[in-house]
Amino acid sequence: MMFLEIGNLNGLIILLIVIMVGPAALLAIIGGILSYNKKRKAAKVFFILAVLYLIVSLGICGALMSGGY
């Protein structure tokens, strides 16, 4: 099975899910590493950015995936 084959949108859906969750997970991992290294303020900033990115990306990409504008 080829990704993004005509009539097969599995690859596109996987790409949208990775765009929705990937950067937020990366920011959360960086925040966890910083909190482990006792840099609490920087860790809080990264956790807040991760949650903010997740809220925005789920709203925008979720609307695109559901077909609503």
PDB file of N, CA and C in Angstrom:
ATOM      1  N   MET A   1       0.843  -1.170   0.000  1.00  0.00           N
ATOM      2  CA  MET A   1       0.000   0.000   0.000  1.00  0.00           C
ATOM      3  C   MET A   1       0.896   1.243   0.000  1.00  0.00           C
ATOM      4  N   MET A   2       0.645   2.132  -0.935  1.00  0.00           N
ATOM      5  CA  MET A   2       1.426   3.361  -1.030  1.00  0.00           C
ATOM      6  C   MET A   2       0.708   4.483  -0.283  1.00  0.00           C
ATOM      7  N   PHE A   3       1.496   5.311   0.387  1.00  0.00           N
ATOM      8  CA  PHE A   3       0.910   6.462   1.056  1.00  0.00           C
ATOM      9  C   PHE A   3       0.504   7.493   0.018  1.00  0.00           C
ATOM     10  N   LEU A   4      -0.603   8.180   0.266  1.00  0.00           N
ATOM     11  CA  LEU A   4      -1.153   9.221  -0.590  1.00  0.00           C
ATOM     12  C   LEU A   4      -1.479   8.721  -1.993  1.00  0.00           C
ATOM     13  N   GLU A   5      -1.837   7.452  -2.101  1.00  0.00           N
ATOM     14  CA  GLU A   5      -2.284   6.890  -3.368  1.00  0.00           C
ATOM     15  C   GLU A   5      -3.659   7.484  -3.698  1.00  0.00           C
ATOM     16  N   ILE A   6      -3.978   7.561  -4.964  1.00  0.00           N
ATOM     17  CA  ILE A   6      -5.272   8.123  -5.352  1.00  0.00           C
ATOM     18  C   ILE A   6      -6.384   7.274  -4.726  1.00  0.00           C
ATOM     19  N   GLY A   7      -7.267   7.922  -3.991  1.00  0.00           N
ATOM     20  CA  GLY A   7      -8.357   7.227  -3.334  1.00  0.00           C
ATOM     21  C   GLY A   7      -8.004   6.714  -1.955  1.00  0.00           C
ATOM     22  N   ASN A   8      -6.745   6.802  -1.579  1.00  0.00           N
ATOM     23  CA  ASN A   8      -6.311   6.323  -0.273  1.00  0.00           C
ATOM     24  C   ASN A   8      -5.743   7.509   0.495  1.00  0.00           C
ATOM     25  N   LEU A   9      -6.444   7.932   1.533  1.00  0.00           N
ATOM     26  CA  LEU A   9      -6.019   9.114   2.276  1.00  0.00           C
ATOM     27  C   LEU A   9      -5.426   8.772   3.644  1.00  0.00           C
ATOM     28  N   ASN A  10      -4.995   7.542   3.830  1.00  0.00           N
ATOM     29  CA  ASN A  10      -4.409   7.158   5.113  1.00  0.00           C
ATOM     30  C   ASN A  10      -3.147   7.949   5.406  1.00  0.00           C
ATOM     31  N   GLY A  11      -2.321   8.155   4.417  1.00  0.00           N
ATOM     32  CA  GLY A  11      -1.079   8.901   4.609  1.00  0.00           C
ATOM     33  C   GLY A  11      -1.337  10.346   4.993  1.00  0.00           C
ATOM     34  N   LEU A  12      -2.355  10.940   4.392  1.00  0.00           N
ATOM     35  CA  LEU A  12      -2.697  12.320   4.700  1.00  0.00           C
ATOM     36  C   LEU A  12      -3.230  12.452   6.129  1.00  0.00           C
ATOM     37  N   ILE A  13      -4.019  11.506   6.550  1.00  0.00           N
ATOM     38  CA  ILE A  13      -4.554  11.533   7.910  1.00  0.00           C
ATOM     39  C   ILE A  13      -3.438  11.334   8.921  1.00  0.00           C
ATOM     40  N   ILE A  14      -2.517  10.413   8.638  1.00  0.00           N
ATOM     41  CA  ILE A  14      -1.377  10.203   9.535  1.00  0.00           C
ATOM     42  C   ILE A  14      -0.520  11.455   9.608  1.00  0.00           C
ATOM     43  N   LEU A  15      -0.311  12.124   8.476  1.00  0.00           N
ATOM     44  CA  LEU A  15       0.472  13.355   8.452  1.00  0.00           C
ATOM     45  C   LEU A  15      -0.196  14.445   9.281  1.00  0.00           C
ATOM     46  N   LEU A  16      -1.506  14.591   9.171  1.00  0.00           N
ATOM     47  CA  LEU A  16      -2.219  15.591   9.965  1.00  0.00           C
ATOM     48  C   LEU A  16      -2.146  15.284  11.461  1.00  0.00           C
ATOM     49  N   ILE A  17      -2.228  14.020  11.817  1.00  0.00           N
ATOM     50  CA  ILE A  17      -2.135  13.650  13.234  1.00  0.00           C
ATOM     51  C   ILE A  17      -0.734  13.924  13.772  1.00  0.00           C
ATOM     52  N   VAL A  18       0.281  13.648  12.965  1.00  0.00           N
ATOM     53  CA  VAL A  18       1.652  13.938  13.389  1.00  0.00           C
ATOM     54  C   VAL A  18       1.857  15.439  13.548  1.00  0.00           C
ATOM     55  N   ILE A  19       1.288  16.239  12.660  1.00  0.00           N
ATOM     56  CA  ILE A  19       1.392  17.689  12.772  1.00  0.00           C
ATOM     57  C   ILE A  19       0.632  18.183  14.005  1.00  0.00           C
ATOM     58  N   MET A  20      -0.480  17.547  14.350  1.00  0.00           N
ATOM     59  CA  MET A  20      -1.268  17.961  15.511  1.00  0.00           C
ATOM     60  C   MET A  20      -0.555  17.651  16.819  1.00  0.00           C
ATOM     61  N   VAL A  21       0.010  16.461  16.940  1.00  0.00           N
ATOM     62  CA  VAL A  21       0.493  15.993  18.230  1.00  0.00           C
ATOM     63  C   VAL A  21       2.022  16.049  18.356  1.00  0.00           C
ATOM     64  N   GLY A  22       2.733  15.952  17.256  1.00  0.00           N
ATOM     65  CA  GLY A  22       4.189  15.856  17.288  1.00  0.00           C
ATOM     66  C   GLY A  22       4.907  17.006  17.972  1.00  0.00           C
ATOM     67  N   PRO A  23       4.711  18.244  17.518  1.00  0.00           N
ATOM     68  CA  PRO A  23       5.421  19.362  18.169  1.00  0.00           C
ATOM     69  C   PRO A  23       5.031  19.555  19.628  1.00  0.00           C
ATOM     70  N   ALA A  24       3.770  19.308  19.967  1.00  0.00           N
ATOM     71  CA  ALA A  24       3.358  19.431  21.367  1.00  0.00           C
ATOM     72  C   ALA A  24       4.060  18.387  22.229  1.00  0.00           C
ATOM     73  N   ALA A  25       4.190  17.178  21.713  1.00  0.00           N
ATOM     74  CA  ALA A  25       4.896  16.131  22.452  1.00  0.00           C
ATOM     75  C   ALA A  25       6.372  16.483  22.601  1.00  0.00           C
ATOM     76  N   LEU A  26       6.970  17.030  21.555  1.00  0.00           N
ATOM     77  CA  LEU A  26       8.375  17.429  21.618  1.00  0.00           C
ATOM     78  C   LEU A  26       8.590  18.538  22.649  1.00  0.00           C
ATOM     79  N   LEU A  27       7.698  19.527  22.669  1.00  0.00           N
ATOM     80  CA  LEU A  27       7.800  20.601  23.659  1.00  0.00           C
ATOM     81  C   LEU A  27       7.618  20.061  25.077  1.00  0.00           C
ATOM     82  N   ALA A  28       6.723  19.114  25.259  1.00  0.00           N
ATOM     83  CA  ALA A  28       6.510  18.524  26.580  1.00  0.00           C
ATOM     84  C   ALA A  28       7.733  17.718  27.023  1.00  0.00           C
ATOM     85  N   ILE A  29       8.369  17.021  26.099  1.00  0.00           N
ATOM     86  CA  ILE A  29       9.582  16.265  26.428  1.00  0.00           C
ATOM     87  C   ILE A  29      10.703  17.213  26.825  1.00  0.00           C
ATOM     88  N   ILE A  30      10.855  18.314  26.091  1.00  0.00           N
ATOM     89  CA  ILE A  30      11.879  19.304  26.433  1.00  0.00           C
ATOM     90  C   ILE A  30      11.579  19.905  27.805  1.00  0.00           C
ATOM     91  N   GLY A  31      10.309  20.197  28.088  1.00  0.00           N
ATOM     92  CA  GLY A  31       9.929  20.704  29.402  1.00  0.00           C
ATOM     93  C   GLY A  31      10.229  19.710  30.507  1.00  0.00           C
ATOM     94  N   GLY A  32       9.995  18.440  30.254  1.00  0.00           N
ATOM     95  CA  GLY A  32      10.317  17.411  31.245  1.00  0.00           C
ATOM     96  C   GLY A  32      11.805  17.318  31.517  1.00  0.00           C
ATOM     97  N   ILE A  33      12.601  17.433  30.468  1.00  0.00           N
ATOM     98  CA  ILE A  33      14.055  17.398  30.637  1.00  0.00           C
ATOM     99  C   ILE A  33      14.523  18.615  31.429  1.00  0.00           C
ATOM    100  N   LEU A  34      13.961  19.771  31.132  1.00  0.00           N
ATOM    101  CA  LEU A  34      14.356  20.979  31.856  1.00  0.00           C
ATOM    102  C   LEU A  34      13.917  20.935  33.321  1.00  0.00           C
ATOM    103  N   SER A  35      12.752  20.358  33.600  1.00  0.00           N
ATOM    104  CA  SER A  35      12.315  20.274  34.995  1.00  0.00           C
ATOM    105  C   SER A  35      13.175  19.271  35.759  1.00  0.00           C
ATOM    106  N   TYR A  36      13.670  18.263  35.062  1.00  0.00           N
ATOM    107  CA  TYR A  36      14.577  17.299  35.687  1.00  0.00           C
ATOM    108  C   TYR A  36      15.914  17.961  36.014  1.00  0.00           C
ATOM    109  N   ASN A  37      16.309  18.941  35.183  1.00  0.00           N
ATOM    110  CA  ASN A  37      17.575  19.651  35.383  1.00  0.00           C
ATOM    111  C   ASN A  37      17.422  20.866  36.294  1.00  0.00           C
ATOM    112  N   LYS A  38      16.316  20.968  37.014  1.00  0.00           N
ATOM    113  CA  LYS A  38      16.058  22.028  37.993  1.00  0.00           C
ATOM    114  C   LYS A  38      15.910  23.420  37.379  1.00  0.00           C
ATOM    115  N   LYS A  39      15.497  23.516  36.124  1.00  0.00           N
ATOM    116  CA  LYS A  39      15.204  24.808  35.504  1.00  0.00           C
ATOM    117  C   LYS A  39      13.688  24.925  35.426  1.00  0.00           C
ATOM    118  N   ARG A  40      13.068  25.230  36.553  1.00  0.00           N
ATOM    119  CA  ARG A  40      11.616  25.169  36.695  1.00  0.00           C
ATOM    120  C   ARG A  40      10.882  26.200  35.840  1.00  0.00           C
ATOM    121  N   LYS A  41      11.401  27.440  35.776  1.00  0.00           N
ATOM    122  CA  LYS A  41      10.697  28.478  35.010  1.00  0.00           C
ATOM    123  C   LYS A  41      10.681  28.149  33.523  1.00  0.00           C
ATOM    124  N   ALA A  42      11.809  27.712  32.995  1.00  0.00           N
ATOM    125  CA  ALA A  42      11.877  27.357  31.582  1.00  0.00           C
ATOM    126  C   ALA A  42      10.992  26.148  31.291  1.00  0.00           C
ATOM    127  N   ALA A  43      10.934  25.202  32.222  1.00  0.00           N
ATOM    128  CA  ALA A  43      10.095  24.018  32.042  1.00  0.00           C
ATOM    129  C   ALA A  43       8.624  24.407  32.003  1.00  0.00           C
ATOM    130  N   LYS A  44       8.217  25.344  32.877  1.00  0.00           N
ATOM    131  CA  LYS A  44       6.828  25.801  32.861  1.00  0.00           C
ATOM    132  C   LYS A  44       6.475  26.441  31.531  1.00  0.00           C
ATOM    133  N   VAL A  45       7.400  27.228  30.993  1.00  0.00           N
ATOM    134  CA  VAL A  45       7.155  27.877  29.701  1.00  0.00           C
ATOM    135  C   VAL A  45       6.960  26.834  28.609  1.00  0.00           C
ATOM    136  N   PHE A  46       7.797  25.809  28.597  1.00  0.00           N
ATOM    137  CA  PHE A  46       7.671  24.774  27.576  1.00  0.00           C
ATOM    138  C   PHE A  46       6.384  23.970  27.736  1.00  0.00           C
ATOM    139  N   PHE A  47       5.981  23.690  28.972  1.00  0.00           N
ATOM    140  CA  PHE A  47       4.720  22.976  29.187  1.00  0.00           C
ATOM    141  C   PHE A  47       3.528  23.818  28.741  1.00  0.00           C
ATOM    142  N   ILE A  48       3.561  25.113  29.038  1.00  0.00           N
ATOM    143  CA  ILE A  48       2.480  26.000  28.611  1.00  0.00           C
ATOM    144  C   ILE A  48       2.427  26.080  27.090  1.00  0.00           C
ATOM    145  N   LEU A  49       3.598  26.184  26.456  1.00  0.00           N
ATOM    146  CA  LEU A  49       3.636  26.212  24.986  1.00  0.00           C
ATOM    147  C   LEU A  49       3.107  24.911  24.393  1.00  0.00           C
ATOM    148  N   ALA A  50       3.422  23.788  25.021  1.00  0.00           N
ATOM    149  CA  ALA A  50       2.945  22.495  24.525  1.00  0.00           C
ATOM    150  C   ALA A  50       1.419  22.425  24.585  1.00  0.00           C
ATOM    151  N   VAL A  51       0.838  22.855  25.693  1.00  0.00           N
ATOM    152  CA  VAL A  51      -0.619  22.818  25.832  1.00  0.00           C
ATOM    153  C   VAL A  51      -1.274  23.793  24.863  1.00  0.00           C
ATOM    154  N   LEU A  52      -0.694  24.977  24.733  1.00  0.00           N
ATOM    155  CA  LEU A  52      -1.233  25.973  23.811  1.00  0.00           C
ATOM    156  C   LEU A  52      -1.186  25.467  22.373  1.00  0.00           C
ATOM    157  N   TYR A  53      -0.055  24.867  21.981  1.00  0.00           N
ATOM    158  CA  TYR A  53       0.068  24.328  20.625  1.00  0.00           C
ATOM    159  C   TYR A  53      -0.948  23.213  20.402  1.00  0.00           C
ATOM    160  N   LEU A  54      -1.142  22.380  21.406  1.00  0.00           N
ATOM    161  CA  LEU A  54      -2.087  21.274  21.262  1.00  0.00           C
ATOM    162  C   LEU A  54      -3.517  21.783  21.107  1.00  0.00           C
ATOM    163  N   ILE A  55      -3.887  22.796  21.871  1.00  0.00           N
ATOM    164  CA  ILE A  55      -5.237  23.351  21.761  1.00  0.00           C
ATOM    165  C   ILE A  55      -5.459  23.960  20.385  1.00  0.00           C
ATOM    166  N   VAL A  56      -4.498  24.741  19.910  1.00  0.00           N
ATOM    167  CA  VAL A  56      -4.638  25.399  18.607  1.00  0.00           C
ATOM    168  C   VAL A  56      -4.620  24.374  17.485  1.00  0.00           C
ATOM    169  N   SER A  57      -3.696  23.420  17.547  1.00  0.00           N
ATOM    170  CA  SER A  57      -3.592  22.451  16.453  1.00  0.00           C
ATOM    171  C   SER A  57      -4.797  21.521  16.405  1.00  0.00           C
ATOM    172  N   LEU A  58      -5.326  21.141  17.548  1.00  0.00           N
ATOM    173  CA  LEU A  58      -6.524  20.299  17.531  1.00  0.00           C
ATOM    174  C   LEU A  58      -7.715  21.076  16.990  1.00  0.00           C
ATOM    175  N   GLY A  59      -7.750  22.361  17.233  1.00  0.00           N
ATOM    176  CA  GLY A  59      -8.843  23.168  16.700  1.00  0.00           C
ATOM    177  C   GLY A  59      -8.751  23.335  15.203  1.00  0.00           C
ATOM    178  N   ILE A  60      -7.568  23.677  14.700  1.00  0.00           N
ATOM    179  CA  ILE A  60      -7.406  23.930  13.268  1.00  0.00           C
ATOM    180  C   ILE A  60      -7.399  22.621  12.481  1.00  0.00           C
ATOM    181  N   CYS A  61      -6.537  21.687  12.859  1.00  0.00           N
ATOM    182  CA  CYS A  61      -6.456  20.432  12.114  1.00  0.00           C
ATOM    183  C   CYS A  61      -7.706  19.582  12.330  1.00  0.00           C
ATOM    184  N   GLY A  62      -8.299  19.671  13.517  1.00  0.00           N
ATOM    185  CA  GLY A  62      -9.538  18.950  13.762  1.00  0.00           C
ATOM    186  C   GLY A  62     -10.660  19.439  12.875  1.00  0.00           C
ATOM    187  N   ALA A  63     -10.702  20.755  12.659  1.00  0.00           N
ATOM    188  CA  ALA A  63     -11.713  21.310  11.761  1.00  0.00           C
ATOM    189  C   ALA A  63     -11.453  20.875  10.326  1.00  0.00           C
ATOM    190  N   LEU A  64     -10.196  20.824   9.933  1.00  0.00           N
ATOM    191  CA  LEU A  64      -9.872  20.368   8.572  1.00  0.00           C
ATOM    192  C   LEU A  64     -10.227  18.901   8.375  1.00  0.00           C
ATOM    193  N   MET A  65      -9.960  18.082   9.413  1.00  0.00           N
ATOM    194  CA  MET A  65     -10.245  16.659   9.283  1.00  0.00           C
ATOM    195  C   MET A  65     -11.741  16.360   9.305  1.00  0.00           C
ATOM    196  N   SER A  66     -12.506  17.172  10.038  1.00  0.00           N
ATOM    197  CA  SER A  66     -13.935  16.906  10.112  1.00  0.00           C
ATOM    198  C   SER A  66     -14.704  17.512   8.941  1.00  0.00           C
ATOM    199  N   GLY A  67     -14.047  18.369   8.185  1.00  0.00           N
ATOM    200  CA  GLY A  67     -14.703  18.961   7.033  1.00  0.00           C
ATOM    201  C   GLY A  67     -15.378  20.282   7.330  1.00  0.00           C
ATOM    202  N   GLY A  68     -15.350  20.704   8.575  1.00  0.00           N
ATOM    203  CA  GLY A  68     -15.955  21.982   8.937  1.00  0.00           C
ATOM    204  C   GLY A  68     -14.979  23.130   8.733  1.00  0.00           C
ATOM    205  N   TYR A  69     -15.469  24.244   8.342  1.00  0.00           N
ATOM    206  CA  TYR A  69     -14.584  25.389   8.140  1.00  0.00           C
ATOM    207  C   TYR A  69     -14.833  26.345   9.247  1.00  0.00           C
TER     208      TYR A  69
END
